[in-house]
Amino acid sequence: MKSSQERAMKQAREVADRAHAPYSSFRVGAVAIAADGSCHRGCNVENAAYGATICAEANALSSAVAAGSNQIDTVVVAGLDTDGPCYPCGNCRQLMRELGVRSVVVEDGHGGLTEHSLEELLPHAFGPEDLD
């Protein structure tokens, strides 16, 4: 039986195929796995006004919050148009920090999956506790 990360990566690749990426031709899909085990998918949606572009990870996290899941354990990211790993941008890493994401899973470029802690990807992060 496939692991939950492998199943989520399959979902991320499927949703990446639906990405709206007419400018970069770089399709990305993400699955946010909530603490309750529910999975929330998102893909990147580009816009001619670049600042209005939505990353796959932010899309998946927003979908999770809209569904009532505000504690996310893992985010799985697939990039269809690269031979290597597809890591989240800094903005998405900060959003993950806000929602308590513990780990990020990417394809390693050799057919396997690599898991990173969010702390590894975003050291010395600013979080809600810093506002106290």
Protein backbone atom coordinates (compact mmCIF):
# COMPACT_ATOMS: atom_id res chain seq x y z
CA MET A 1 0.00 0.00 0.00
CA LYS A 2 1.24 3.49 -0.83
CA SER A 3 2.15 5.80 1.99
CA SER A 4 -0.01 8.82 2.73
CA GLN A 5 2.78 11.05 1.38
CA GLU A 6 2.86 9.11 -1.90
CA ARG A 7 -0.93 9.36 -2.23
CA ALA A 8 -0.78 13.09 -1.51
CA MET A 9 2.01 13.53 -4.08
CA LYS A 10 -0.17 11.77 -6.68
CA GLN A 11 -2.97 14.24 -5.84
CA ALA A 12 -0.53 17.17 -6.04
CA ARG A 13 0.62 16.07 -9.50
CA GLU A 14 -3.00 15.68 -10.64
CA VAL A 15 -4.00 19.16 -9.48
CA ALA A 16 -0.79 20.66 -10.90
CA ASP A 17 -1.99 19.53 -14.30
CA ARG A 18 -4.90 21.99 -13.85
CA ALA A 19 -2.66 24.97 -13.02
CA HIS A 20 -3.21 28.25 -14.86
CA ALA A 21 0.39 29.05 -15.82
CA PRO A 22 0.30 30.87 -19.17
CA TYR A 23 3.25 33.14 -18.31
CA SER A 24 5.78 30.86 -16.64
CA SER A 25 4.62 27.48 -17.99
CA PHE A 26 5.63 26.22 -14.54
CA ARG A 27 2.75 24.14 -13.18
CA VAL A 28 2.71 23.44 -9.47
CA GLY A 29 0.28 21.48 -7.30
CA ALA A 30 0.13 21.17 -3.54
CA VAL A 31 -1.78 19.19 -0.96
CA ALA A 32 -2.17 20.47 2.59
CA ILE A 33 -2.71 17.59 5.00
CA ALA A 34 -4.57 18.79 8.07
CA ALA A 35 -4.14 17.46 11.59
CA ASP A 36 -7.43 15.56 11.19
CA GLY A 37 -6.05 13.80 8.07
CA SER A 38 -8.15 15.70 5.56
CA CYS A 39 -6.41 16.72 2.34
CA HIS A 40 -6.87 20.08 0.63
CA ARG A 41 -5.54 20.63 -2.88
CA GLY A 42 -4.41 23.71 -4.73
CA CYS A 43 -2.58 24.71 -7.90
CA ASN A 44 -0.86 27.87 -9.00
CA VAL A 45 -3.03 30.47 -10.71
CA GLU A 46 -1.00 33.09 -12.55
CA ASN A 47 -2.19 36.55 -13.45
CA ALA A 48 -0.95 39.18 -15.92
CA ALA A 49 -0.69 41.46 -12.87
CA TYR A 50 2.03 39.28 -11.33
CA GLY A 51 1.31 40.32 -7.76
CA ALA A 52 -2.15 38.77 -8.07
CA THR A 53 -0.68 35.34 -8.82
CA ILE A 54 -1.57 32.62 -6.30
CA CYS A 55 0.94 29.90 -5.48
CA ALA A 56 -0.22 26.29 -5.29
CA GLU A 57 0.79 26.05 -1.63
CA ALA A 58 -1.13 29.20 -0.66
CA ASN A 59 -4.11 27.95 -2.64
CA ALA A 60 -4.08 24.59 -0.83
CA LEU A 61 -3.64 26.23 2.59
CA SER A 62 -6.46 28.68 1.89
CA SER A 63 -8.70 25.79 0.85
CA ALA A 64 -7.89 24.02 4.11
CA VAL A 65 -8.76 27.09 6.18
CA ALA A 66 -11.97 27.63 4.21
CA ALA A 67 -12.92 24.02 4.98
CA GLY A 68 -12.38 24.62 8.71
CA SER A 69 -8.88 23.13 9.06
CA ASN A 70 -6.57 25.67 10.61
CA GLN A 71 -3.94 23.21 11.85
CA ILE A 72 -1.94 21.78 8.96
CA ASP A 73 0.66 19.07 9.56
CA THR A 74 2.24 18.57 6.14
CA VAL A 75 2.32 20.24 2.74
CA VAL A 76 3.20 18.11 -0.28
CA VAL A 77 4.42 19.98 -3.38
CA ALA A 78 4.77 18.78 -6.97
CA GLY A 79 6.25 20.74 -9.85
CA LEU A 80 5.46 19.22 -13.24
CA ASP A 81 7.87 21.31 -15.28
CA THR A 82 11.14 20.69 -13.45
CA ASP A 83 13.50 17.75 -13.10
CA GLY A 84 14.40 18.66 -9.54
CA PRO A 85 12.59 19.48 -6.32
CA CYS A 86 9.96 22.23 -6.32
CA TYR A 87 10.30 24.11 -3.04
CA PRO A 88 7.76 26.66 -1.73
CA CYS A 89 8.59 30.35 -2.03
CA GLY A 90 9.34 32.43 1.06
CA ASN A 91 5.85 33.87 1.23
CA CYS A 92 4.30 30.39 1.26
CA ARG A 93 6.79 29.24 3.89
CA GLN A 94 5.68 32.11 6.11
CA LEU A 95 2.02 31.19 5.55
CA MET A 96 2.87 27.61 6.50
CA ARG A 97 4.51 28.90 9.68
CA GLU A 98 1.33 30.75 10.58
CA LEU A 99 -0.73 27.55 10.22
CA GLY A 100 1.66 25.33 12.19
CA VAL A 101 2.94 23.20 9.31
CA ARG A 102 5.54 20.78 10.60
CA SER A 103 6.88 19.30 7.37
CA VAL A 104 7.11 19.87 3.63
CA VAL A 105 7.45 16.99 1.16
CA VAL A 106 8.90 17.46 -2.34
CA GLU A 107 9.90 15.11 -5.12
CA ASP A 108 13.68 14.64 -5.14
CA GLY A 109 14.13 14.53 -8.91
CA HIS A 110 15.03 10.81 -8.82
CA GLY A 111 11.59 9.27 -8.29
CA GLY A 112 11.60 9.58 -4.53
CA LEU A 113 10.21 11.94 -1.93
CA THR A 114 12.17 14.16 0.44
CA GLU A 115 10.68 15.47 3.67
CA HIS A 116 11.94 18.64 5.34
CA SER A 117 10.90 20.24 8.59
CA LEU A 118 9.50 23.72 8.14
CA GLU A 119 12.13 24.96 10.59
CA GLU A 120 14.78 23.66 8.18
CA LEU A 121 13.19 25.60 5.29
CA LEU A 122 12.39 28.73 7.31
CA PRO A 123 14.89 29.15 10.15
CA HIS A 124 14.36 31.90 12.71
CA ALA A 125 10.77 32.39 11.55
CA PHE A 126 8.53 35.20 12.72
CA GLY A 127 5.36 33.78 14.27
CA PRO A 128 2.25 34.72 16.22
CA GLU A 129 4.15 34.44 19.51
CA ASP A 130 6.42 37.28 18.38
CA LEU A 131 3.46 39.66 18.54
CA ASP A 132 3.01 39.20 22.31
